[in-house]
Amino acid sequence: MRALRLVVVAALTAAALTAALPAAAPALEVGQKAPDFTLPGPGNKPVKLGELTAKGPVVIYTFIQAFTGT
C-alpha cells in the first residue's frame, strides 16, 4: 500500500511540475526579434534583454555542448 502511495505522489508531483513549466518557445528565424527575458547577471543582479537592446545590437551566443560530455 505504501508503494502505491509513493507512485501516486510521484505521478501527481510530475503532473504539477509539467503544468507549471512554460511551453517551449518556437525557434526564431534569422532577423526575428527575440522575446524580452531576464536572467541573473554578475552579482545576481537581473539583466533584462530589453535594457541591453536599448543601448544597441546584442549578440546572444550559447555553449550548448559545453557541459554535455560530448
PDB file of N, CA and C in Angstrom:
ATOM      1  N   MET A   1       0.822  -1.199   0.000  1.00  0.00           N
ATOM      2  CA  MET A   1       0.000   0.000   0.000  1.00  0.00           C
ATOM      3  C   MET A   1       0.865   1.262   0.000  1.00  0.00           C
ATOM      4  N   ARG A   2       1.969   1.227   0.779  1.00  0.00           N
ATOM      5  CA  ARG A   2       2.846   2.390   0.840  1.00  0.00           C
ATOM      6  C   ARG A   2       3.495   2.655  -0.524  1.00  0.00           C
ATOM      7  N   ALA A   3       3.886   1.594  -1.219  1.00  0.00           N
ATOM      8  CA  ALA A   3       4.499   1.754  -2.542  1.00  0.00           C
ATOM      9  C   ALA A   3       3.514   2.403  -3.505  1.00  0.00           C
ATOM     10  N   LEU A   4       2.242   2.019  -3.420  1.00  0.00           N
ATOM     11  CA  LEU A   4       1.220   2.605  -4.293  1.00  0.00           C
ATOM     12  C   LEU A   4       1.074   4.098  -4.000  1.00  0.00           C
ATOM     13  N   ARG A   5       1.096   4.472  -2.723  1.00  0.00           N
ATOM     14  CA  ARG A   5       1.007   5.886  -2.363  1.00  0.00           C
ATOM     15  C   ARG A   5       2.183   6.675  -2.922  1.00  0.00           C
ATOM     16  N   LEU A   6       3.391   6.083  -2.849  1.00  0.00           N
ATOM     17  CA  LEU A   6       4.569   6.770  -3.389  1.00  0.00           C
ATOM     18  C   LEU A   6       4.455   6.968  -4.891  1.00  0.00           C
ATOM     19  N   VAL A   7       3.915   5.971  -5.584  1.00  0.00           N
ATOM     20  CA  VAL A   7       3.729   6.091  -7.031  1.00  0.00           C
ATOM     21  C   VAL A   7       2.721   7.188  -7.342  1.00  0.00           C
ATOM     22  N   VAL A   8       1.644   7.235  -6.594  1.00  0.00           N
ATOM     23  CA  VAL A   8       0.611   8.251  -6.816  1.00  0.00           C
ATOM     24  C   VAL A   8       1.174   9.637  -6.534  1.00  0.00           C
ATOM     25  N   VAL A   9       1.922   9.782  -5.445  1.00  0.00           N
ATOM     26  CA  VAL A   9       2.514  11.083  -5.109  1.00  0.00           C
ATOM     27  C   VAL A   9       3.509  11.493  -6.190  1.00  0.00           C
ATOM     28  N   ALA A  10       4.320  10.558  -6.662  1.00  0.00           N
ATOM     29  CA  ALA A  10       5.285  10.872  -7.717  1.00  0.00           C
ATOM     30  C   ALA A  10       4.568  11.295  -8.995  1.00  0.00           C
ATOM     31  N   ALA A  11       3.503  10.608  -9.346  1.00  0.00           N
ATOM     32  CA  ALA A  11       2.754  10.949 -10.555  1.00  0.00           C
ATOM     33  C   ALA A  11       2.114  12.327 -10.428  1.00  0.00           C
ATOM     34  N   LEU A  12       1.548  12.618  -9.277  1.00  0.00           N
ATOM     35  CA  LEU A  12       0.923  13.930  -9.058  1.00  0.00           C
ATOM     36  C   LEU A  12       1.972  15.036  -9.070  1.00  0.00           C
ATOM     37  N   THR A  13       3.130  14.773  -8.486  1.00  0.00           N
ATOM     38  CA  THR A  13       4.201  15.766  -8.483  1.00  0.00           C
ATOM     39  C   THR A  13       4.678  16.038  -9.901  1.00  0.00           C
ATOM     40  N   ALA A  14       4.872  14.986 -10.680  1.00  0.00           N
ATOM     41  CA  ALA A  14       5.301  15.148 -12.064  1.00  0.00           C
ATOM     42  C   ALA A  14       4.269  15.931 -12.867  1.00  0.00           C
ATOM     43  N   ALA A  15       2.994  15.636 -12.657  1.00  0.00           N
ATOM     44  CA  ALA A  15       1.931  16.353 -13.369  1.00  0.00           C
ATOM     45  C   ALA A  15       1.920  17.828 -12.983  1.00  0.00           C
ATOM     46  N   ALA A  16       2.107  18.115 -11.701  1.00  0.00           N
ATOM     47  CA  ALA A  16       2.106  19.503 -11.241  1.00  0.00           C
ATOM     48  C   ALA A  16       3.303  20.267 -11.816  1.00  0.00           C
ATOM     49  N   LEU A  17       4.472  19.631 -11.830  1.00  0.00           N
ATOM     50  CA  LEU A  17       5.652  20.289 -12.383  1.00  0.00           C
ATOM     51  C   LEU A  17       5.508  20.529 -13.877  1.00  0.00           C
ATOM     52  N   THR A  18       4.951  19.568 -14.579  1.00  0.00           N
ATOM     53  CA  THR A  18       4.750  19.708 -16.018  1.00  0.00           C
ATOM     54  C   THR A  18       3.786  20.848 -16.308  1.00  0.00           C
ATOM     55  N   ALA A  19       2.740  20.961 -15.524  1.00  0.00           N
ATOM     56  CA  ALA A  19       1.754  22.027 -15.732  1.00  0.00           C
ATOM     57  C   ALA A  19       2.345  23.397 -15.401  1.00  0.00           C
ATOM     58  N   ALA A  20       3.302  23.434 -14.467  1.00  0.00           N
ATOM     59  CA  ALA A  20       3.873  24.709 -14.039  1.00  0.00           C
ATOM     60  C   ALA A  20       4.939  25.224 -14.993  1.00  0.00           C
ATOM     61  N   LEU A  21       5.542  24.335 -15.779  1.00  0.00           N
ATOM     62  CA  LEU A  21       6.606  24.755 -16.686  1.00  0.00           C
ATOM     63  C   LEU A  21       6.023  25.446 -17.911  1.00  0.00           C
ATOM     64  N   PRO A  22       6.682  26.506 -18.369  1.00  0.00           N
ATOM     65  CA  PRO A  22       6.196  27.170 -19.583  1.00  0.00           C
ATOM     66  C   PRO A  22       6.421  26.280 -20.807  1.00  0.00           C
ATOM     67  N   ALA A  23       5.580  26.451 -21.785  1.00  0.00           N
ATOM     68  CA  ALA A  23       5.739  25.696 -23.030  1.00  0.00           C
ATOM     69  C   ALA A  23       6.995  26.174 -23.753  1.00  0.00           C
ATOM     70  N   ALA A  24       7.616  25.280 -24.475  1.00  0.00           N
ATOM     71  CA  ALA A  24       8.810  25.641 -25.230  1.00  0.00           C
ATOM     72  C   ALA A  24       8.452  26.668 -26.301  1.00  0.00           C
ATOM     73  N   ALA A  25       9.286  27.675 -26.425  1.00  0.00           N
ATOM     74  CA  ALA A  25       9.052  28.708 -27.429  1.00  0.00           C
ATOM     75  C   ALA A  25       9.543  28.210 -28.783  1.00  0.00           C
ATOM     76  N   PRO A  26       8.874  28.596 -29.842  1.00  0.00           N
ATOM     77  CA  PRO A  26       9.354  28.189 -31.166  1.00  0.00           C
ATOM     78  C   PRO A  26      10.689  28.865 -31.475  1.00  0.00           C
ATOM     79  N   ALA A  27      11.482  28.230 -32.302  1.00  0.00           N
ATOM     80  CA  ALA A  27      12.786  28.788 -32.680  1.00  0.00           C
ATOM     81  C   ALA A  27      12.589  30.080 -33.471  1.00  0.00           C
ATOM     82  N   LEU A  28      13.529  30.982 -33.306  1.00  0.00           N
ATOM     83  CA  LEU A  28      13.490  32.240 -34.049  1.00  0.00           C
ATOM     84  C   LEU A  28      14.141  32.059 -35.409  1.00  0.00           C
ATOM     85  N   GLU A  29      13.651  32.776 -36.362  1.00  0.00           N
ATOM     86  CA  GLU A  29      14.264  32.809 -37.685  1.00  0.00           C
ATOM     87  C   GLU A  29      15.270  33.953 -37.698  1.00  0.00           C
ATOM     88  N   VAL A  30      16.219  33.897 -38.602  1.00  0.00           N
ATOM     89  CA  VAL A  30      17.221  34.957 -38.730  1.00  0.00           C
ATOM     90  C   VAL A  30      16.504  36.285 -38.958  1.00  0.00           C
ATOM     91  N   GLY A  31      16.864  37.287 -38.169  1.00  0.00           N
ATOM     92  CA  GLY A  31      16.276  38.613 -38.303  1.00  0.00           C
ATOM     93  C   GLY A  31      15.062  38.848 -37.417  1.00  0.00           C
ATOM     94  N   GLN A  32      14.509  37.779 -36.826  1.00  0.00           N
ATOM     95  CA  GLN A  32      13.352  37.945 -35.938  1.00  0.00           C
ATOM     96  C   GLN A  32      13.789  38.541 -34.611  1.00  0.00           C
ATOM     97  N   LYS A  33      12.918  39.325 -34.011  1.00  0.00           N
ATOM     98  CA  LYS A  33      13.197  39.920 -32.713  1.00  0.00           C
ATOM     99  C   LYS A  33      12.934  38.894 -31.614  1.00  0.00           C
ATOM    100  N   ALA A  34      13.893  38.756 -30.704  1.00  0.00           N
ATOM    101  CA  ALA A  34      13.752  37.818 -29.587  1.00  0.00           C
ATOM    102  C   ALA A  34      12.768  38.377 -28.567  1.00  0.00           C
ATOM    103  N   PRO A  35      12.014  37.504 -27.911  1.00  0.00           N
ATOM    104  CA  PRO A  35      11.124  37.985 -26.841  1.00  0.00           C
ATOM    105  C   PRO A  35      11.959  38.497 -25.670  1.00  0.00           C
ATOM    106  N   ASP A  36      11.441  39.454 -24.950  1.00  0.00           N
ATOM    107  CA  ASP A  36      12.156  40.014 -23.810  1.00  0.00           C
ATOM    108  C   ASP A  36      12.250  38.965 -22.707  1.00  0.00           C
ATOM    109  N   PHE A  37      13.405  38.876 -22.064  1.00  0.00           N
ATOM    110  CA  PHE A  37      13.581  37.960 -20.945  1.00  0.00           C
ATOM    111  C   PHE A  37      14.589  38.554 -19.979  1.00  0.00           C
ATOM    112  N   THR A  38      14.608  38.027 -18.766  1.00  0.00           N
ATOM    113  CA  THR A  38      15.522  38.484 -17.729  1.00  0.00           C
ATOM    114  C   THR A  38      16.298  37.285 -17.199  1.00  0.00           C
ATOM    115  N   LEU A  39      17.607  37.454 -17.039  1.00  0.00           N
ATOM    116  CA  LEU A  39      18.475  36.419 -16.484  1.00  0.00           C
ATOM    117  C   LEU A  39      19.337  37.036 -15.396  1.00  0.00           C
ATOM    118  N   PRO A  40      19.811  36.222 -14.453  1.00  0.00           N
ATOM    119  CA  PRO A  40      20.710  36.762 -13.431  1.00  0.00           C
ATOM    120  C   PRO A  40      22.068  37.085 -14.045  1.00  0.00           C
ATOM    121  N   GLY A  41      22.592  38.240 -13.700  1.00  0.00           N
ATOM    122  CA  GLY A  41      23.892  38.672 -14.194  1.00  0.00           C
ATOM    123  C   GLY A  41      24.906  38.686 -13.076  1.00  0.00           C
ATOM    124  N   PRO A  42      26.001  39.397 -13.267  1.00  0.00           N
ATOM    125  CA  PRO A  42      27.033  39.486 -12.227  1.00  0.00           C
ATOM    126  C   PRO A  42      26.452  39.993 -10.906  1.00  0.00           C
ATOM    127  N   GLY A  43      26.851  39.364  -9.829  1.00  0.00           N
ATOM    128  CA  GLY A  43      26.324  39.739  -8.519  1.00  0.00           C
ATOM    129  C   GLY A  43      24.868  39.376  -8.351  1.00  0.00           C
ATOM    130  N   ASN A  44      24.370  38.472  -9.204  1.00  0.00           N
ATOM    131  CA  ASN A  44      22.970  38.025  -9.183  1.00  0.00           C
ATOM    132  C   ASN A  44      21.993  39.163  -9.472  1.00  0.00           C
ATOM    133  N   LYS A  45      22.499  40.241 -10.076  1.00  0.00           N
ATOM    134  CA  LYS A  45      21.646  41.364 -10.460  1.00  0.00           C
ATOM    135  C   LYS A  45      20.911  41.004 -11.752  1.00  0.00           C
ATOM    136  N   PRO A  46      19.591  41.209 -11.816  1.00  0.00           N
ATOM    137  CA  PRO A  46      18.847  40.851 -13.028  1.00  0.00           C
ATOM    138  C   PRO A  46      19.276  41.688 -14.237  1.00  0.00           C
ATOM    139  N   VAL A  47      19.427  41.018 -15.357  1.00  0.00           N
ATOM    140  CA  VAL A  47      19.765  41.683 -16.620  1.00  0.00           C
ATOM    141  C   VAL A  47      18.630  41.390 -17.587  1.00  0.00           C
ATOM    142  N   LYS A  48      18.016  42.447 -18.111  1.00  0.00           N
ATOM    143  CA  LYS A  48      16.870  42.311 -18.999  1.00  0.00           C
ATOM    144  C   LYS A  48      17.311  42.574 -20.436  1.00  0.00           C
ATOM    145  N   LEU A  49      16.909  41.686 -21.347  1.00  0.00           N
ATOM    146  CA  LEU A  49      17.289  41.840 -22.747  1.00  0.00           C
ATOM    147  C   LEU A  49      16.852  43.195 -23.295  1.00  0.00           C
ATOM    148  N   GLY A  50      15.651  43.644 -22.955  1.00  0.00           N
ATOM    149  CA  GLY A  50      15.141  44.920 -23.451  1.00  0.00           C
ATOM    150  C   GLY A  50      16.017  46.097 -23.079  1.00  0.00           C
ATOM    151  N   GLU A  51      16.627  46.039 -21.896  1.00  0.00           N
ATOM    152  CA  GLU A  51      17.514  47.124 -21.470  1.00  0.00           C
ATOM    153  C   GLU A  51      18.815  47.105 -22.274  1.00  0.00           C
ATOM    154  N   LEU A  52      19.284  45.912 -22.617  1.00  0.00           N
ATOM    155  CA  LEU A  52      20.513  45.807 -23.401  1.00  0.00           C
ATOM    156  C   LEU A  52      20.291  46.255 -24.839  1.00  0.00           C
ATOM    157  N   THR A  53      19.171  45.841 -25.441  1.00  0.00           N
ATOM    158  CA  THR A  53      18.908  46.211 -26.834  1.00  0.00           C
ATOM    159  C   THR A  53      18.627  47.699 -26.978  1.00  0.00           C
ATOM    160  N   ALA A  54      18.218  48.366 -25.905  1.00  0.00           N
ATOM    161  CA  ALA A  54      18.005  49.807 -25.960  1.00  0.00           C
ATOM    162  C   ALA A  54      19.326  50.541 -26.163  1.00  0.00           C
ATOM    163  N   LYS A  55      20.446  49.905 -25.786  1.00  0.00           N
ATOM    164  CA  LYS A  55      21.766  50.514 -25.926  1.00  0.00           C
ATOM    165  C   LYS A  55      22.398  50.205 -27.279  1.00  0.00           C
ATOM    166  N   GLY A  56      21.853  49.228 -27.997  1.00  0.00           N
ATOM    167  CA  GLY A  56      22.414  48.855 -29.297  1.00  0.00           C
ATOM    168  C   GLY A  56      22.207  47.375 -29.562  1.00  0.00           C
ATOM    169  N   PRO A  57      22.758  46.886 -30.673  1.00  0.00           N
ATOM    170  CA  PRO A  57      22.583  45.478 -31.025  1.00  0.00           C
ATOM    171  C   PRO A  57      23.191  44.545 -29.970  1.00  0.00           C
ATOM    172  N   VAL A  58      22.586  43.382 -29.815  1.00  0.00           N
ATOM    173  CA  VAL A  58      23.044  42.373 -28.861  1.00  0.00           C
ATOM    174  C   VAL A  58      23.208  41.054 -29.603  1.00  0.00           C
ATOM    175  N   VAL A  59      24.301  40.369 -29.337  1.00  0.00           N
ATOM    176  CA  VAL A  59      24.525  39.033 -29.879  1.00  0.00           C
ATOM    177  C   VAL A  59      24.408  38.054 -28.720  1.00  0.00           C
ATOM    178  N   ILE A  60      23.534  37.063 -28.874  1.00  0.00           N
ATOM    179  CA  ILE A  60      23.365  36.031 -27.850  1.00  0.00           C
ATOM    180  C   ILE A  60      23.981  34.752 -28.393  1.00  0.00           C
ATOM    181  N   TYR A  61      24.920  34.217 -27.656  1.00  0.00           N
ATOM    182  CA  TYR A  61      25.619  33.008 -28.079  1.00  0.00           C
ATOM    183  C   TYR A  61      25.521  31.988 -26.963  1.00  0.00           C
ATOM    184  N   THR A  62      25.206  30.772 -27.299  1.00  0.00           N
ATOM    185  CA  THR A  62      25.094  29.732 -26.281  1.00  0.00           C
ATOM    186  C   THR A  62      26.147  28.658 -26.512  1.00  0.00           C
ATOM    187  N   PHE A  63      26.578  28.041 -25.446  1.00  0.00           N
ATOM    188  CA  PHE A  63      27.515  26.926 -25.486  1.00  0.00           C
ATOM    189  C   PHE A  63      26.732  25.658 -25.181  1.00  0.00           C
ATOM    190  N   ILE A  64      25.973  25.190 -26.134  1.00  0.00           N
ATOM    191  CA  ILE A  64      25.068  24.067 -25.912  1.00  0.00           C
ATOM    192  C   ILE A  64      25.819  22.814 -25.484  1.00  0.00           C
ATOM    193  N   GLN A  65      26.969  22.526 -26.074  1.00  0.00           N
ATOM    194  CA  GLN A  65      27.680  21.297 -25.754  1.00  0.00           C
ATOM    195  C   GLN A  65      28.741  21.497 -24.669  1.00  0.00           C
ATOM    196  N   ALA A  66      28.817  22.657 -24.067  1.00  0.00           N
ATOM    197  CA  ALA A  66      29.881  22.937 -23.122  1.00  0.00           C
ATOM    198  C   ALA A  66      29.874  21.991 -21.925  1.00  0.00           C
ATOM    199  N   PHE A  67      28.718  21.595 -21.456  1.00  0.00           N
ATOM    200  CA  PHE A  67      28.640  20.765 -20.248  1.00  0.00           C
ATOM    201  C   PHE A  67      27.914  19.447 -20.497  1.00  0.00           C
ATOM    202  N   THR A  68      27.894  18.971 -21.728  1.00  0.00           N
ATOM    203  CA  THR A  68      27.144  17.761 -22.036  1.00  0.00           C
ATOM    204  C   THR A  68      28.010  16.511 -22.119  1.00  0.00           C
ATOM    205  N   GLY A  69      29.327  16.646 -22.078  1.00  0.00           N
ATOM    206  CA  GLY A  69      30.203  15.491 -22.177  1.00  0.00           C
ATOM    207  C   GLY A  69      30.346  14.962 -23.598  1.00  0.00           C
ATOM    208  N   THR A  70      29.885  15.719 -24.594  1.00  0.00           N
ATOM    209  CA  THR A  70      30.023  15.279 -25.984  1.00  0.00           C
ATOM    210  C   THR A  70      31.179  15.974 -26.645  1.00  0.00           C
TER     211      THR A  70
END
